[in-house]
């Protein structure tokens, strides 16, 4: 996957905000708009330093929005 400078900068910024934790989020390509969107997610892992867990509810609601 080739990411644009904007997405790369957003990932860097988000990872620096909580540098002691695994950064997590979703990158979703929108074929209609022909762009990639970034969706930061809260890390739900009990061990945030070494692992990340994304809420299944958040995962599916991001992939399949109801509106």
Protein backbone atom coordinates (compact mmCIF):
# COMPACT_ATOMS: atom_id res chain seq x y z
CA UNK A 1 0.00 0.00 0.00
CA UNK A 2 1.32 3.40 -0.92
CA UNK A 3 0.29 6.08 1.54
CA UNK A 4 0.28 9.77 0.85
CA UNK A 5 2.24 12.26 2.90
CA UNK A 6 -0.89 13.38 4.78
CA UNK A 7 -1.68 9.84 6.02
CA UNK A 8 1.97 9.19 6.90
CA UNK A 9 2.08 12.40 8.93
CA UNK A 10 -1.16 11.52 10.71
CA UNK A 11 0.21 8.08 11.66
CA UNK A 12 3.42 9.65 12.97
CA UNK A 13 1.49 12.26 14.96
CA UNK A 14 -0.84 9.66 16.49
CA UNK A 15 2.01 7.34 17.39
CA UNK A 16 3.90 10.15 19.13
CA UNK A 17 0.84 11.15 21.19
CA UNK A 18 1.03 7.87 23.09
CA UNK A 19 4.59 6.81 22.44
CA UNK A 20 4.58 4.31 25.32
CA UNK A 21 1.65 2.36 23.78
CA UNK A 22 1.01 0.46 20.59
CA UNK A 23 -0.69 2.83 18.18
CA UNK A 24 -3.76 1.41 16.52
CA UNK A 25 -6.28 2.45 13.95
CA UNK A 26 -7.78 1.60 10.61
CA UNK A 27 -6.79 2.70 7.13
CA UNK A 28 -9.74 2.29 4.80
CA UNK A 29 -9.62 2.88 1.07
CA UNK A 30 -12.72 4.51 -0.40
CA UNK A 31 -12.91 3.43 -4.07
CA UNK A 32 -15.61 5.99 -4.89
CA UNK A 33 -13.57 8.93 -3.59
CA UNK A 34 -10.31 7.22 -4.58
CA UNK A 35 -8.64 8.06 -1.29
CA UNK A 36 -7.60 6.45 1.97
CA UNK A 37 -9.03 7.57 5.29
CA UNK A 38 -7.44 7.10 8.70
CA UNK A 39 -9.53 6.16 11.71
CA UNK A 40 -7.58 6.25 14.98
CA UNK A 41 -8.84 3.69 17.50
CA UNK A 42 -8.52 3.32 21.23
CA UNK A 43 -6.16 0.49 22.17
CA UNK A 44 -8.27 -1.95 24.21
CA UNK A 45 -5.38 -4.30 25.05
CA UNK A 46 -4.60 -5.11 28.67
CA UNK A 47 -0.89 -4.80 27.71
CA UNK A 48 -0.90 -1.59 25.65
CA UNK A 49 2.90 -1.44 25.55
CA UNK A 50 3.30 -4.67 23.57
CA UNK A 51 -0.04 -5.34 21.87
CA UNK A 52 -3.06 -3.63 20.40
CA UNK A 53 -6.69 -4.66 20.30
CA UNK A 54 -9.38 -2.83 18.37
CA UNK A 55 -12.97 -3.14 19.56
CA UNK A 56 -14.88 -5.41 17.17
CA UNK A 57 -17.86 -3.04 17.39
CA UNK A 58 -15.72 -0.09 16.32
CA UNK A 59 -14.05 -2.17 13.61
CA UNK A 60 -17.33 -3.20 11.99
CA UNK A 61 -19.04 0.17 12.43
CA UNK A 62 -16.09 1.80 10.64
CA UNK A 63 -16.17 -0.72 7.79
CA UNK A 64 -19.94 -0.73 7.47
CA UNK A 65 -21.33 2.67 8.53
CA UNK A 66 -25.11 2.80 8.87
CA UNK A 67 -25.59 6.30 7.46
